[in-house]
Amino acid sequence: MMLSFFDQFMSPIYLGIPLMALALSLPWVLFPTPSHRWLNNRIITLQGWFFNRFTHQLLLPLNQGGHKWALMMTSLMTFILTINLLGLLPYTFTPTTQLSLNMGLAVPLWLATVIVGFRYQMTATLGHLLPEGTPTPLVPVLIIIETISLIIRPLALGVRLTANLTAGHLLIQLIATAAFVLLPLMPTVAILTAILLFLLTLLEVAVATIQAYVFVLLLSLYLQENV
């Protein structure tokens, strides 16, 4: 049976049972749980240092009201980052290549930031739709443009994450297929292609990390406008 390059993005099903829930819940099992001992091991210490630095960097531009979102933002970053990195392993599935999942994360969180803005500072939130000093004839046009740009924010979040991960996985599969086909024909070229594949994999690890950070960073910027 011939398989398409896009078959790797199909949701896994075993005995008619979708495994998407398993793919989403498995990453949490990999994290070590903190102990009650005075001295932790190196893994837990490194995990705590990473969480502290990331939370500090993320919440630095936010006021005191935005610090209530620290736990959720850190958990979201950890969740997306772990899924992205696990998806680079052979014979694994990356749930964040599904636009439906990314939109399911982006829309409720973006909507929550908008609701927070309307609840606590409605005037300032509505003021973002019309820049100060706008000429009177351009007021209706700018309001429409700013409203559209506000509505497409969750779409941009979901599509950005999906497109970057999908493109990286496709490129890795194309180069890996080329190296496998060229191995019996031109071994030297196949070795060079394999080296290129290794470098591309390192780049994809960086992309997976950066995209998880960008997703949460943009959410924090949206929150900054409304708190």
N, C-alpha and C. Protein backbone atom coordinates (compact mmCIF):
# COMPACT_ATOMS: atom_id res chain seq x y z
N MET A 1 0.84 -1.19 0.00
CA MET A 1 0.00 0.00 0.00
C MET A 1 0.88 1.24 0.00
N MET A 2 0.60 2.17 -0.91
CA MET A 2 1.36 3.40 -1.00
C MET A 2 0.86 4.39 0.04
N LEU A 3 1.80 4.98 0.76
CA LEU A 3 1.45 5.96 1.79
C LEU A 3 1.83 7.35 1.31
N SER A 4 1.00 8.31 1.63
CA SER A 4 1.27 9.69 1.29
C SER A 4 2.13 10.32 2.37
N PHE A 5 2.82 11.41 2.00
CA PHE A 5 3.62 12.12 2.99
C PHE A 5 2.74 12.70 4.09
N PHE A 6 1.48 12.96 3.79
CA PHE A 6 0.58 13.56 4.76
C PHE A 6 -0.09 12.54 5.67
N ASP A 7 0.17 11.25 5.46
CA ASP A 7 -0.43 10.23 6.32
C ASP A 7 0.09 10.31 7.75
N GLN A 8 1.28 10.88 7.92
CA GLN A 8 1.83 10.99 9.28
C GLN A 8 1.04 11.96 10.14
N PHE A 9 0.21 12.81 9.50
CA PHE A 9 -0.57 13.78 10.27
C PHE A 9 -1.99 13.29 10.58
N MET A 10 -2.30 12.07 10.18
CA MET A 10 -3.62 11.52 10.48
C MET A 10 -3.71 11.14 11.95
N SER A 11 -4.86 11.39 12.55
CA SER A 11 -5.04 11.05 13.96
C SER A 11 -4.97 9.54 14.13
N PRO A 12 -4.13 9.04 15.05
CA PRO A 12 -3.97 7.59 15.20
C PRO A 12 -5.22 6.92 15.76
N ILE A 13 -5.54 5.77 15.21
CA ILE A 13 -6.69 4.99 15.64
C ILE A 13 -6.25 3.54 15.80
N TYR A 14 -6.59 2.94 16.93
CA TYR A 14 -6.25 1.54 17.20
C TYR A 14 -7.51 0.80 17.60
N LEU A 15 -7.85 -0.23 16.81
CA LEU A 15 -9.06 -1.01 17.03
C LEU A 15 -10.31 -0.12 17.06
N GLY A 16 -10.29 0.87 16.18
CA GLY A 16 -11.42 1.77 16.09
C GLY A 16 -11.50 2.82 17.19
N ILE A 17 -10.49 2.87 18.06
CA ILE A 17 -10.50 3.81 19.18
C ILE A 17 -9.50 4.94 18.87
N PRO A 18 -9.94 6.20 18.84
CA PRO A 18 -9.00 7.30 18.61
C PRO A 18 -8.02 7.42 19.77
N LEU A 19 -6.75 7.60 19.43
CA LEU A 19 -5.70 7.69 20.44
C LEU A 19 -5.25 9.12 20.70
N MET A 20 -6.04 10.09 20.24
CA MET A 20 -5.67 11.48 20.45
C MET A 20 -5.61 11.82 21.94
N ALA A 21 -6.57 11.32 22.72
CA ALA A 21 -6.58 11.60 24.16
C ALA A 21 -5.33 11.03 24.83
N LEU A 22 -4.89 9.84 24.39
CA LEU A 22 -3.67 9.26 24.95
C LEU A 22 -2.45 10.07 24.58
N ALA A 23 -2.42 10.55 23.33
CA ALA A 23 -1.28 11.37 22.89
C ALA A 23 -1.21 12.69 23.65
N LEU A 24 -2.36 13.20 24.08
CA LEU A 24 -2.38 14.47 24.81
C LEU A 24 -2.07 14.29 26.29
N SER A 25 -2.42 13.13 26.85
CA SER A 25 -2.22 12.92 28.28
C SER A 25 -0.87 12.30 28.62
N LEU A 26 -0.24 11.63 27.66
CA LEU A 26 1.03 10.95 27.93
C LEU A 26 2.15 11.89 28.35
N PRO A 27 2.31 13.09 27.75
CA PRO A 27 3.44 13.94 28.15
C PRO A 27 3.49 14.26 29.63
N TRP A 28 2.33 14.37 30.29
CA TRP A 28 2.35 14.74 31.71
C TRP A 28 2.96 13.64 32.57
N VAL A 29 2.95 12.40 32.07
CA VAL A 29 3.52 11.30 32.84
C VAL A 29 5.05 11.38 32.90
N LEU A 30 5.64 12.05 31.92
CA LEU A 30 7.09 12.08 31.81
C LEU A 30 7.75 13.05 32.78
N PHE A 31 6.99 13.97 33.36
CA PHE A 31 7.59 14.97 34.23
C PHE A 31 7.76 14.41 35.64
N PRO A 32 8.92 14.60 36.23
CA PRO A 32 9.13 14.10 37.60
C PRO A 32 8.30 14.91 38.60
N THR A 33 7.78 14.24 39.58
CA THR A 33 6.98 14.90 40.61
C THR A 33 7.88 15.39 41.73
N PRO A 34 7.65 16.60 42.24
CA PRO A 34 8.50 17.11 43.33
C PRO A 34 8.38 16.24 44.58
N SER A 35 9.46 16.12 45.27
CA SER A 35 9.49 15.33 46.50
C SER A 35 9.47 16.26 47.71
N HIS A 36 9.28 15.68 48.88
CA HIS A 36 9.26 16.44 50.13
C HIS A 36 10.62 16.46 50.82
N ARG A 37 11.65 15.98 50.12
CA ARG A 37 12.98 16.00 50.71
C ARG A 37 13.56 17.41 50.64
N TRP A 38 14.50 17.68 51.53
CA TRP A 38 15.13 18.99 51.53
C TRP A 38 15.98 19.23 50.28
N LEU A 39 16.64 18.17 49.80
CA LEU A 39 17.49 18.28 48.62
C LEU A 39 16.87 17.45 47.50
N ASN A 40 16.57 18.11 46.37
CA ASN A 40 16.01 17.41 45.21
C ASN A 40 17.13 16.91 44.31
N ASN A 41 16.77 16.01 43.39
CA ASN A 41 17.77 15.54 42.44
C ASN A 41 17.96 16.57 41.34
N ARG A 42 18.87 16.30 40.43
CA ARG A 42 19.23 17.29 39.42
C ARG A 42 18.07 17.57 38.45
N ILE A 43 17.30 16.54 38.11
CA ILE A 43 16.21 16.72 37.15
C ILE A 43 15.14 17.65 37.71
N ILE A 44 14.74 17.42 38.95
CA ILE A 44 13.72 18.27 39.56
C ILE A 44 14.24 19.68 39.76
N THR A 45 15.51 19.81 40.12
CA THR A 45 16.11 21.14 40.29
C THR A 45 16.13 21.89 38.96
N LEU A 46 16.53 21.20 37.90
CA LEU A 46 16.55 21.82 36.57
C LEU A 46 15.14 22.19 36.12
N GLN A 47 14.17 21.32 36.39
CA GLN A 47 12.79 21.62 36.02
C GLN A 47 12.28 22.84 36.77
N GLY A 48 12.55 22.93 38.05
CA GLY A 48 12.12 24.10 38.83
C GLY A 48 12.79 25.38 38.36
N TRP A 49 14.09 25.29 38.03
CA TRP A 49 14.80 26.49 37.53
C TRP A 49 14.19 26.95 36.21
N PHE A 50 13.87 26.01 35.31
CA PHE A 50 13.29 26.37 34.02
C PHE A 50 11.93 27.04 34.22
N PHE A 51 11.09 26.49 35.06
CA PHE A 51 9.78 27.07 35.30
C PHE A 51 9.89 28.47 35.90
N ASN A 52 10.80 28.65 36.84
CA ASN A 52 10.97 29.96 37.47
C ASN A 52 11.44 31.00 36.47
N ARG A 53 12.44 30.65 35.64
CA ARG A 53 12.96 31.61 34.68
C ARG A 53 11.93 31.94 33.62
N PHE A 54 11.22 30.93 33.14
CA PHE A 54 10.22 31.18 32.11
C PHE A 54 9.08 32.03 32.65
N THR A 55 8.59 31.72 33.84
CA THR A 55 7.50 32.50 34.43
C THR A 55 7.93 33.94 34.67
N HIS A 56 9.14 34.13 35.15
CA HIS A 56 9.64 35.49 35.38
C HIS A 56 9.72 36.27 34.07
N GLN A 57 10.25 35.64 33.03
CA GLN A 57 10.39 36.32 31.74
C GLN A 57 9.04 36.62 31.11
N LEU A 58 8.09 35.70 31.27
CA LEU A 58 6.79 35.86 30.64
C LEU A 58 5.95 36.94 31.32
N LEU A 59 6.00 37.00 32.63
CA LEU A 59 5.14 37.92 33.38
C LEU A 59 5.81 39.25 33.69
N LEU A 60 7.01 39.45 33.19
CA LEU A 60 7.73 40.69 33.48
C LEU A 60 6.98 41.93 33.00
N PRO A 61 6.41 41.94 31.77
CA PRO A 61 5.71 43.16 31.34
C PRO A 61 4.28 43.29 31.87
N LEU A 62 3.77 42.30 32.57
CA LEU A 62 2.39 42.33 33.05
C LEU A 62 2.32 42.97 34.43
N ASN A 63 1.16 43.59 34.71
CA ASN A 63 0.96 44.13 36.04
C ASN A 63 0.52 43.03 37.00
N GLN A 64 0.17 43.42 38.21
CA GLN A 64 -0.12 42.43 39.23
C GLN A 64 -1.34 41.58 38.88
N GLY A 65 -2.31 42.17 38.18
CA GLY A 65 -3.51 41.41 37.82
C GLY A 65 -3.23 40.28 36.85
N GLY A 66 -2.23 40.44 35.99
CA GLY A 66 -1.91 39.41 35.02
C GLY A 66 -1.13 38.25 35.61
N HIS A 67 -0.61 38.40 36.84
CA HIS A 67 0.17 37.33 37.45
C HIS A 67 -0.71 36.16 37.86
N LYS A 68 -2.03 36.34 37.88
CA LYS A 68 -2.92 35.23 38.20
C LYS A 68 -2.88 34.16 37.10
N TRP A 69 -2.43 34.54 35.92
CA TRP A 69 -2.37 33.61 34.80
C TRP A 69 -1.05 32.85 34.74
N ALA A 70 -0.19 33.01 35.74
CA ALA A 70 1.15 32.42 35.67
C ALA A 70 1.09 30.90 35.56
N LEU A 71 0.28 30.26 36.40
CA LEU A 71 0.22 28.81 36.41
C LEU A 71 -0.29 28.27 35.07
N MET A 72 -1.33 28.90 34.53
CA MET A 72 -1.90 28.42 33.28
C MET A 72 -0.94 28.62 32.11
N MET A 73 -0.28 29.77 32.06
CA MET A 73 0.66 30.05 30.98
C MET A 73 1.86 29.09 31.02
N THR A 74 2.39 28.86 32.21
CA THR A 74 3.52 27.96 32.34
C THR A 74 3.13 26.53 31.98
N SER A 75 1.95 26.10 32.44
CA SER A 75 1.48 24.75 32.10
C SER A 75 1.25 24.60 30.61
N LEU A 76 0.70 25.64 29.97
CA LEU A 76 0.46 25.59 28.53
C LEU A 76 1.77 25.52 27.75
N MET A 77 2.74 26.31 28.17
CA MET A 77 4.05 26.28 27.51
C MET A 77 4.69 24.90 27.64
N THR A 78 4.64 24.34 28.83
CA THR A 78 5.22 23.01 29.06
C THR A 78 4.51 21.95 28.24
N PHE A 79 3.19 22.05 28.18
CA PHE A 79 2.39 21.07 27.45
C PHE A 79 2.71 21.10 25.95
N ILE A 80 2.70 22.30 25.35
CA ILE A 80 2.95 22.41 23.92
C ILE A 80 4.40 22.03 23.59
N LEU A 81 5.33 22.47 24.42
CA LEU A 81 6.75 22.17 24.18
C LEU A 81 7.00 20.66 24.22
N THR A 82 6.42 19.98 25.20
CA THR A 82 6.63 18.54 25.32
C THR A 82 6.03 17.79 24.14
N ILE A 83 4.83 18.18 23.73
CA ILE A 83 4.19 17.53 22.58
C ILE A 83 5.01 17.75 21.31
N ASN A 84 5.49 18.98 21.12
CA ASN A 84 6.29 19.27 19.93
C ASN A 84 7.57 18.45 19.88
N LEU A 85 8.25 18.33 21.01
CA LEU A 85 9.52 17.60 21.03
C LEU A 85 9.30 16.09 20.92
N LEU A 86 8.27 15.57 21.57
CA LEU A 86 7.99 14.14 21.45
C LEU A 86 7.59 13.77 20.03
N GLY A 87 6.98 14.71 19.30
CA GLY A 87 6.58 14.44 17.93
C GLY A 87 7.74 14.27 16.97
N LEU A 88 8.95 14.67 17.39
CA LEU A 88 10.13 14.51 16.54
C LEU A 88 10.72 13.10 16.63
N LEU A 89 10.28 12.31 17.60
CA LEU A 89 10.77 10.94 17.72
C LEU A 89 10.16 10.07 16.62
N PRO A 90 10.87 9.05 16.18
CA PRO A 90 10.33 8.17 15.14
C PRO A 90 9.08 7.44 15.61
N TYR A 91 8.17 7.23 14.69
CA TYR A 91 6.93 6.48 14.92
C TYR A 91 6.08 7.09 16.03
N THR A 92 6.07 8.40 16.07
CA THR A 92 5.22 9.11 17.03
C THR A 92 4.26 10.01 16.28
N PHE A 93 3.29 10.51 16.99
CA PHE A 93 2.28 11.40 16.42
C PHE A 93 2.35 12.73 17.14
N THR A 94 2.28 13.82 16.38
CA THR A 94 2.34 15.17 16.95
C THR A 94 0.94 15.78 16.94
N PRO A 95 0.26 15.86 18.07
CA PRO A 95 -1.09 16.42 18.07
C PRO A 95 -1.16 17.89 17.65
N THR A 96 -0.06 18.64 17.86
CA THR A 96 -0.08 20.06 17.51
C THR A 96 0.04 20.31 16.01
N THR A 97 0.15 19.27 15.20
CA THR A 97 0.04 19.46 13.75
C THR A 97 -1.41 19.47 13.30
N GLN A 98 -2.34 19.26 14.23
CA GLN A 98 -3.77 19.30 13.92
C GLN A 98 -4.29 20.71 14.19
N LEU A 99 -4.83 21.34 13.15
CA LEU A 99 -5.35 22.70 13.31
C LEU A 99 -6.50 22.75 14.30
N SER A 100 -7.29 21.69 14.35
CA SER A 100 -8.43 21.67 15.27
C SER A 100 -7.97 21.77 16.72
N LEU A 101 -6.90 21.06 17.07
CA LEU A 101 -6.39 21.13 18.44
C LEU A 101 -5.83 22.51 18.75
N ASN A 102 -5.05 23.06 17.83
CA ASN A 102 -4.45 24.37 18.07
C ASN A 102 -5.52 25.46 18.18
N MET A 103 -6.55 25.36 17.35
CA MET A 103 -7.64 26.33 17.47
C MET A 103 -8.42 26.11 18.76
N GLY A 104 -8.52 24.86 19.19
CA GLY A 104 -9.18 24.59 20.45
C GLY A 104 -8.44 25.16 21.64
N LEU A 105 -7.13 25.33 21.51
CA LEU A 105 -6.36 25.98 22.56
C LEU A 105 -6.38 27.50 22.41
N ALA A 106 -6.30 27.98 21.17
CA ALA A 106 -6.15 29.42 20.94
C ALA A 106 -7.44 30.19 21.18
N VAL A 107 -8.56 29.68 20.67
CA VAL A 107 -9.82 30.45 20.74
C VAL A 107 -10.27 30.67 22.18
N PRO A 108 -10.37 29.64 23.04
CA PRO A 108 -10.84 29.92 24.41
C PRO A 108 -9.91 30.84 25.20
N LEU A 109 -8.59 30.68 25.02
CA LEU A 109 -7.65 31.52 25.76
C LEU A 109 -7.69 32.96 25.27
N TRP A 110 -7.76 33.15 23.96
CA TRP A 110 -7.89 34.51 23.43
C TRP A 110 -9.20 35.13 23.89
N LEU A 111 -10.29 34.36 23.85
CA LEU A 111 -11.58 34.88 24.27
C LEU A 111 -11.57 35.24 25.75
N ALA A 112 -10.83 34.47 26.55
CA ALA A 112 -10.73 34.78 27.98
C ALA A 112 -10.04 36.13 28.20
N THR A 113 -8.99 36.42 27.42
CA THR A 113 -8.31 37.72 27.57
C THR A 113 -9.23 38.86 27.18
N VAL A 114 -10.05 38.66 26.14
CA VAL A 114 -10.99 39.71 25.72
C VAL A 114 -12.06 39.92 26.78
N ILE A 115 -12.57 38.83 27.33
CA ILE A 115 -13.61 38.95 28.37
C ILE A 115 -13.06 39.65 29.60
N VAL A 116 -11.81 39.34 29.97
CA VAL A 116 -11.19 40.01 31.11
C VAL A 116 -11.08 41.52 30.85
N GLY A 117 -10.71 41.88 29.62
CA GLY A 117 -10.62 43.29 29.28
C GLY A 117 -11.96 44.00 29.35
N PHE A 118 -13.01 43.39 28.83
CA PHE A 118 -14.33 44.01 28.88
C PHE A 118 -14.87 44.09 30.30
N ARG A 119 -14.46 43.16 31.14
CA ARG A 119 -14.99 43.15 32.50
C ARG A 119 -14.34 44.21 33.39
N TYR A 120 -13.03 44.37 33.26
CA TYR A 120 -12.32 45.23 34.19
C TYR A 120 -12.01 46.62 33.63
N GLN A 121 -11.87 46.76 32.32
CA GLN A 121 -11.60 48.07 31.74
C GLN A 121 -12.19 48.14 30.33
N MET A 122 -13.49 48.26 30.28
CA MET A 122 -14.18 48.24 29.00
C MET A 122 -13.79 49.42 28.12
N THR A 123 -13.64 50.60 28.73
CA THR A 123 -13.31 51.79 27.94
C THR A 123 -11.95 51.65 27.26
N ALA A 124 -10.96 51.17 28.00
CA ALA A 124 -9.63 51.02 27.42
C ALA A 124 -9.61 49.92 26.36
N THR A 125 -10.38 48.86 26.59
CA THR A 125 -10.42 47.77 25.61
C THR A 125 -11.06 48.24 24.30
N LEU A 126 -12.15 48.97 24.41
CA LEU A 126 -12.78 49.51 23.21
C LEU A 126 -11.92 50.58 22.56
N GLY A 127 -11.10 51.28 23.37
CA GLY A 127 -10.22 52.30 22.81
C GLY A 127 -9.15 51.74 21.90
N HIS A 128 -8.83 50.44 22.05
CA HIS A 128 -7.85 49.83 21.15
C HIS A 128 -8.36 49.71 19.73
N LEU A 129 -9.67 49.78 19.56
CA LEU A 129 -10.24 49.68 18.21
C LEU A 129 -10.12 50.98 17.42
N LEU A 130 -9.78 52.06 18.09
CA LEU A 130 -9.67 53.35 17.40
C LEU A 130 -8.44 54.08 17.92
N PRO A 131 -7.35 54.15 17.14
CA PRO A 131 -6.15 54.87 17.58
C PRO A 131 -6.43 56.35 17.82
N GLU A 132 -5.71 56.90 18.74
CA GLU A 132 -5.90 58.31 19.09
C GLU A 132 -5.42 59.21 17.96
N GLY A 133 -6.17 60.27 17.71
CA GLY A 133 -5.83 61.21 16.66
C GLY A 133 -6.24 60.80 15.26
N THR A 134 -7.15 59.83 15.15
CA THR A 134 -7.61 59.37 13.84
C THR A 134 -8.51 60.42 13.19
N PRO A 135 -8.29 60.77 11.92
CA PRO A 135 -9.20 61.70 11.25
C PRO A 135 -10.63 61.16 11.22
N THR A 136 -11.58 62.06 11.31
CA THR A 136 -13.00 61.66 11.40
C THR A 136 -13.45 60.82 10.21
N PRO A 137 -13.09 61.13 8.97
CA PRO A 137 -13.56 60.28 7.86
C PRO A 137 -13.04 58.83 7.92
N LEU A 138 -11.91 58.61 8.60
CA LEU A 138 -11.33 57.27 8.65
C LEU A 138 -11.79 56.46 9.86
N VAL A 139 -12.60 57.05 10.72
CA VAL A 139 -13.02 56.35 11.93
C VAL A 139 -13.76 55.05 11.63
N PRO A 140 -14.79 55.02 10.77
CA PRO A 140 -15.48 53.75 10.53
C PRO A 140 -14.57 52.68 9.91
N VAL A 141 -13.70 53.11 8.99
CA VAL A 141 -12.83 52.15 8.33
C VAL A 141 -11.84 51.54 9.32
N LEU A 142 -11.25 52.37 10.18
CA LEU A 142 -10.28 51.86 11.15
C LEU A 142 -10.94 50.96 12.19
N ILE A 143 -12.15 51.29 12.58
CA ILE A 143 -12.86 50.43 13.54
C ILE A 143 -13.08 49.05 12.94
N ILE A 144 -13.48 49.00 11.67
CA ILE A 144 -13.70 47.71 11.00
C ILE A 144 -12.39 46.94 10.89
N ILE A 145 -11.31 47.64 10.50
CA ILE A 145 -10.01 46.98 10.34
C ILE A 145 -9.51 46.44 11.68
N GLU A 146 -9.60 47.24 12.73
CA GLU A 146 -9.12 46.80 14.04
C GLU A 146 -9.97 45.67 14.60
N THR A 147 -11.26 45.69 14.31
CA THR A 147 -12.13 44.60 14.76
C THR A 147 -11.76 43.30 14.06
N ILE A 148 -11.50 43.38 12.75
CA ILE A 148 -11.10 42.17 12.01
C ILE A 148 -9.76 41.65 12.51
N SER A 149 -8.82 42.56 12.76
CA SER A 149 -7.51 42.13 13.27
C SER A 149 -7.63 41.51 14.65
N LEU A 150 -8.60 41.97 15.44
CA LEU A 150 -8.81 41.36 16.75
C LEU A 150 -9.40 39.97 16.64
N ILE A 151 -10.31 39.80 15.69
CA ILE A 151 -11.00 38.51 15.55
C ILE A 151 -10.06 37.43 14.99
N ILE A 152 -9.14 37.83 14.11
CA ILE A 152 -8.29 36.82 13.47
C ILE A 152 -7.08 36.46 14.33
N ARG A 153 -6.96 37.03 15.51
CA ARG A 153 -5.81 36.69 16.37
C ARG A 153 -5.76 35.20 16.72
N PRO A 154 -6.85 34.59 17.17
CA PRO A 154 -6.76 33.14 17.46
C PRO A 154 -6.47 32.31 16.23
N LEU A 155 -6.99 32.73 15.07
CA LEU A 155 -6.70 32.01 13.83
C LEU A 155 -5.21 32.08 13.51
N ALA A 156 -4.61 33.25 13.72
CA ALA A 156 -3.17 33.38 13.48
C ALA A 156 -2.36 32.52 14.44
N LEU A 157 -2.80 32.44 15.70
CA LEU A 157 -2.11 31.60 16.67
C LEU A 157 -2.13 30.13 16.24
N GLY A 158 -3.32 29.63 15.90
CA GLY A 158 -3.44 28.23 15.53
C GLY A 158 -2.74 27.90 14.23
N VAL A 159 -2.91 28.74 13.22
CA VAL A 159 -2.31 28.46 11.91
C VAL A 159 -0.79 28.55 11.98
N ARG A 160 -0.26 29.49 12.74
CA ARG A 160 1.20 29.62 12.84
C ARG A 160 1.82 28.36 13.42
N LEU A 161 1.26 27.87 14.51
CA LEU A 161 1.80 26.66 15.14
C LEU A 161 1.65 25.45 14.23
N THR A 162 0.48 25.30 13.60
CA THR A 162 0.25 24.16 12.72
C THR A 162 1.16 24.19 11.50
N ALA A 163 1.27 25.35 10.86
CA ALA A 163 2.04 25.45 9.62
C ALA A 163 3.53 25.19 9.86
N ASN A 164 4.09 25.75 10.92
CA ASN A 164 5.52 25.57 11.17
C ASN A 164 5.87 24.12 11.48
N LEU A 165 5.06 23.47 12.31
CA LEU A 165 5.35 22.08 12.64
C LEU A 165 5.11 21.16 11.46
N THR A 166 4.04 21.41 10.70
CA THR A 166 3.75 20.56 9.54
C THR A 166 4.85 20.68 8.48
N ALA A 167 5.29 21.92 8.22
CA ALA A 167 6.36 22.11 7.23
C ALA A 167 7.65 21.42 7.66
N GLY A 168 7.99 21.51 8.94
CA GLY A 168 9.21 20.86 9.41
C GLY A 168 9.14 19.35 9.31
N HIS A 169 8.00 18.76 9.68
CA HIS A 169 7.86 17.31 9.59
C HIS A 169 7.90 16.83 8.13
N LEU A 170 7.27 17.58 7.25
CA LEU A 170 7.29 17.20 5.84
C LEU A 170 8.71 17.27 5.27
N LEU A 171 9.44 18.31 5.63
CA LEU A 171 10.81 18.45 5.12
C LEU A 171 11.71 17.35 5.64
N ILE A 172 11.56 16.99 6.91
CA ILE A 172 12.34 15.89 7.47
C ILE A 172 12.02 14.59 6.75
N GLN A 173 10.74 14.33 6.48
CA GLN A 173 10.38 13.09 5.80
C GLN A 173 10.88 13.06 4.37
N LEU A 174 10.84 14.19 3.68
CA LEU A 174 11.34 14.25 2.30
C LEU A 174 12.84 13.96 2.25
N ILE A 175 13.61 14.59 3.13
CA ILE A 175 15.06 14.40 3.12
C ILE A 175 15.41 12.98 3.57
N ALA A 176 14.68 12.44 4.55
CA ALA A 176 14.94 11.07 4.98
C ALA A 176 14.64 10.07 3.87
N THR A 177 13.56 10.30 3.13
CA THR A 177 13.24 9.43 2.00
C THR A 177 14.31 9.51 0.92
N ALA A 178 14.78 10.74 0.66
CA ALA A 178 15.84 10.91 -0.35
C ALA A 178 17.12 10.19 0.07
N ALA A 179 17.49 10.29 1.35
CA ALA A 179 18.70 9.60 1.81
C ALA A 179 18.55 8.09 1.70
N PHE A 180 17.38 7.56 1.99
CA PHE A 180 17.15 6.11 1.91
C PHE A 180 17.20 5.63 0.46
N VAL A 181 16.65 6.42 -0.47
CA VAL A 181 16.64 6.02 -1.87
C VAL A 181 18.04 6.13 -2.49
N LEU A 182 18.80 7.16 -2.08
CA LEU A 182 20.13 7.37 -2.66
C LEU A 182 21.20 6.46 -2.08
N LEU A 183 20.93 5.80 -0.98
CA LEU A 183 21.96 4.99 -0.32
C LEU A 183 22.53 3.89 -1.22
N PRO A 184 21.74 3.07 -1.92
CA PRO A 184 22.34 2.05 -2.79
C PRO A 184 22.86 2.61 -4.11
N LEU A 185 22.39 3.78 -4.51
CA LEU A 185 22.79 4.35 -5.80
C LEU A 185 24.03 5.22 -5.67
N MET A 186 23.99 6.18 -4.77
CA MET A 186 25.10 7.11 -4.57
C MET A 186 25.36 7.25 -3.08
N PRO A 187 26.19 6.37 -2.52
CA PRO A 187 26.41 6.38 -1.07
C PRO A 187 26.95 7.71 -0.54
N THR A 188 27.85 8.34 -1.30
CA THR A 188 28.43 9.60 -0.83
C THR A 188 27.36 10.67 -0.69
N VAL A 189 26.50 10.79 -1.72
CA VAL A 189 25.42 11.77 -1.66
C VAL A 189 24.44 11.43 -0.54
N ALA A 190 24.22 10.13 -0.33
CA ALA A 190 23.30 9.71 0.73
C ALA A 190 23.85 10.10 2.11
N ILE A 191 25.18 9.97 2.29
CA ILE A 191 25.77 10.37 3.57
C ILE A 191 25.64 11.86 3.79
N LEU A 192 25.90 12.65 2.74
CA LEU A 192 25.73 14.10 2.85
C LEU A 192 24.28 14.45 3.15
N THR A 193 23.35 13.73 2.53
CA THR A 193 21.93 13.98 2.80
C THR A 193 21.58 13.63 4.24
N ALA A 194 22.18 12.55 4.76
CA ALA A 194 21.94 12.17 6.15
C ALA A 194 22.48 13.23 7.11
N ILE A 195 23.63 13.81 6.78
CA ILE A 195 24.16 14.90 7.61
C ILE A 195 23.22 16.09 7.59
N LEU A 196 22.71 16.40 6.38
CA LEU A 196 21.73 17.49 6.26
C LEU A 196 20.48 17.18 7.08
N LEU A 197 20.08 15.92 7.09
CA LEU A 197 18.91 15.52 7.87
C LEU A 197 19.15 15.72 9.36
N PHE A 198 20.35 15.40 9.82
CA PHE A 198 20.68 15.60 11.24
C PHE A 198 20.64 17.07 11.61
N LEU A 199 21.22 17.91 10.76
CA LEU A 199 21.20 19.35 11.03
C LEU A 199 19.77 19.89 11.00
N LEU A 200 18.97 19.39 10.06
CA LEU A 200 17.58 19.83 9.98
C LEU A 200 16.79 19.40 11.22
N THR A 201 17.11 18.23 11.75
CA THR A 201 16.44 17.77 12.97
C THR A 201 16.77 18.69 14.15
N LEU A 202 18.03 19.09 14.25
CA LEU A 202 18.40 20.05 15.29
C LEU A 202 17.66 21.37 15.13
N LEU A 203 17.54 21.81 13.87
CA LEU A 203 16.79 23.03 13.60
C LEU A 203 15.32 22.87 13.97
N GLU A 204 14.77 21.69 13.72
CA GLU A 204 13.36 21.46 14.03
C GLU A 204 13.13 21.42 15.54
N VAL A 205 14.11 20.95 16.29
CA VAL A 205 14.01 21.02 17.75
C VAL A 205 13.92 22.47 18.21
N ALA A 206 14.76 23.32 17.60
CA ALA A 206 14.70 24.75 17.93
C ALA A 206 13.36 25.35 17.53
N VAL A 207 12.85 24.98 16.35
CA VAL A 207 11.57 25.50 15.89
C VAL A 207 10.45 25.06 16.83
N ALA A 208 10.46 23.79 17.26
CA ALA A 208 9.43 23.30 18.17
C ALA A 208 9.44 24.08 19.48
N THR A 209 10.64 24.38 19.97
CA THR A 209 10.74 25.15 21.22
C THR A 209 10.28 26.58 21.02
N ILE A 210 10.72 27.21 19.94
CA ILE A 210 10.38 28.61 19.69
C ILE A 210 8.89 28.78 19.45
N GLN A 211 8.27 27.86 18.71
CA GLN A 211 6.85 27.98 18.42
C GLN A 211 6.00 27.83 19.68
N ALA A 212 6.40 26.96 20.58
CA ALA A 212 5.68 26.84 21.86
C ALA A 212 5.81 28.14 22.65
N TYR A 213 7.01 28.72 22.66
CA TYR A 213 7.22 29.97 23.39
C TYR A 213 6.45 31.12 22.75
N VAL A 214 6.45 31.19 21.42
CA VAL A 214 5.75 32.27 20.72
C VAL A 214 4.24 32.18 20.97
N PHE A 215 3.70 30.98 20.98
CA PHE A 215 2.26 30.80 21.22
C PHE A 215 1.88 31.40 22.57
N VAL A 216 2.63 31.07 23.60
CA VAL A 216 2.32 31.57 24.94
C VAL A 216 2.67 33.05 25.06
N LEU A 217 3.74 33.48 24.41
CA LEU A 217 4.13 34.89 24.47
C LEU A 217 3.07 35.79 23.86
N LEU A 218 2.52 35.40 22.71
CA LEU A 218 1.47 36.21 22.10
C LEU A 218 0.21 36.25 22.97
N LEU A 219 -0.10 35.14 23.61
CA LEU A 219 -1.24 35.15 24.53
C LEU A 219 -0.99 36.12 25.69
N SER A 220 0.24 36.15 26.19
CA SER A 220 0.56 37.09 27.27
C SER A 220 0.49 38.54 26.80
N LEU A 221 0.84 38.79 25.54
CA LEU A 221 0.72 40.15 25.00
C LEU A 221 -0.75 40.55 24.84
N TYR A 222 -1.58 39.61 24.42
CA TYR A 222 -3.01 39.89 24.36
C TYR A 222 -3.57 40.16 25.75
N LEU A 223 -3.06 39.42 26.73
CA LEU A 223 -3.51 39.64 28.10
C LEU A 223 -3.03 40.98 28.62
N GLN A 224 -1.83 41.39 28.21
CA GLN A 224 -1.28 42.66 28.66
C GLN A 224 -2.14 43.84 28.23
N GLU A 225 -2.78 43.72 27.06
CA GLU A 225 -3.64 44.80 26.57
C GLU A 225 -4.94 44.93 27.38
N ASN A 226 -5.29 43.88 28.13
CA ASN A 226 -6.61 43.86 28.75
C ASN A 226 -6.57 43.82 30.28
N VAL A 227 -5.40 43.89 30.86
CA VAL A 227 -5.33 43.89 32.32
C VAL A 227 -4.58 45.13 32.81
